[in-house]
Protein backbone atom coordinates (compact mmCIF):
# COMPACT_ATOMS: atom_id res chain seq x y z
CA MET A 1 0.00 0.00 0.00
CA GLY A 2 2.80 2.46 0.83
CA ILE A 3 2.06 5.97 2.07
CA VAL A 4 -1.57 6.60 3.00
CA LEU A 5 -3.11 9.99 3.69
CA ARG A 6 -5.22 10.12 6.85
CA LEU A 7 -6.50 13.62 6.19
CA ASP A 8 -10.12 12.58 6.73
CA ARG A 9 -9.35 11.46 10.29
CA VAL A 10 -7.58 14.72 11.23
CA MET A 11 -10.35 16.78 9.63
CA ALA A 12 -12.96 14.87 11.64
CA ASP A 13 -10.98 15.39 14.86
CA ARG A 14 -10.89 19.14 14.14
CA LYS A 15 -14.55 19.18 12.99
CA MET A 16 -13.51 20.87 9.76
CA SER A 17 -15.34 20.43 6.46
CA LEU A 18 -13.69 19.84 3.12
CA ASN A 19 -14.94 23.20 1.85
CA GLU A 20 -13.61 25.10 4.86
CA LEU A 21 -10.20 23.43 4.72
CA ALA A 22 -9.90 23.95 0.96
CA GLU A 23 -10.73 27.64 1.33
CA ARG A 24 -8.31 28.18 4.21
CA VAL A 25 -5.47 26.24 2.54
CA GLY A 26 -6.07 27.87 -0.84
CA ILE A 27 -6.62 24.79 -3.01
CA SER A 28 -9.65 23.60 -4.92
CA ASN A 29 -12.26 21.32 -3.36
CA VAL A 30 -11.55 18.79 -6.11
CA ASN A 31 -7.83 18.60 -5.33
CA LEU A 32 -8.43 18.44 -1.59
CA SER A 33 -11.02 15.70 -2.12
CA LYS A 34 -8.44 13.70 -4.07
CA LEU A 35 -5.99 14.08 -1.19
CA LYS A 36 -8.63 13.10 1.35
CA ASN A 37 -9.58 9.99 -0.61
CA ASN A 38 -6.00 8.85 -1.36
CA LYS A 39 -6.38 9.42 -5.10
CA VAL A 40 -3.00 11.16 -5.49
CA THR A 41 0.55 9.90 -5.86
CA ALA A 42 2.28 13.07 -4.67
CA ILE A 43 1.74 16.11 -2.48
CA ARG A 44 3.72 19.34 -2.56
CA PHE A 45 5.47 20.29 0.65
CA SER A 46 3.90 23.74 0.42
CA THR A 47 0.42 22.15 0.35
CA LEU A 48 1.28 19.78 3.20
CA SER A 49 2.66 22.69 5.20
CA ALA A 50 -0.48 24.77 4.64
CA ILE A 51 -2.72 21.86 5.66
CA CYS A 52 -0.68 21.30 8.83
CA GLU A 53 -0.85 25.03 9.63
CA VAL A 54 -4.63 25.17 9.26
CA LEU A 55 -5.28 21.88 11.10
CA ASP A 56 -2.61 22.59 13.75
CA CYS A 57 -1.00 19.19 13.26
CA GLN A 58 2.24 17.52 12.21
CA PRO A 59 2.80 15.78 8.84
CA GLY A 60 2.94 12.47 10.71
CA ASP A 61 -0.64 13.02 11.83
CA ILE A 62 -1.71 13.01 8.18
CA LEU A 63 0.77 10.62 6.54
CA GLU A 64 0.99 6.94 7.46
CA TYR A 65 3.07 4.09 6.06
CA GLU A 66 1.37 0.76 5.44
CA LYS A 67 3.39 -2.27 4.38
CA GLU A 68 2.49 -3.99 1.16
CA SER A 69 0.49 -7.16 1.76
CA ASP A 70 2.00 -10.39 0.51
């Protein structure tokens, strides 16, 4: 599986909607939705930094490594 984004979990903990986070971070709802649903293969550090700033979290709260299943 590799790196998995757990953005949905952090957003739920902070009670923040997709629309609110997208607006505060400065990215489109579509792109944020792709991040939230693990439909991306890369994320810019500037985007990750902005998300962490808005959600008051660390990158490790959002990113998780899962080993590939055999």
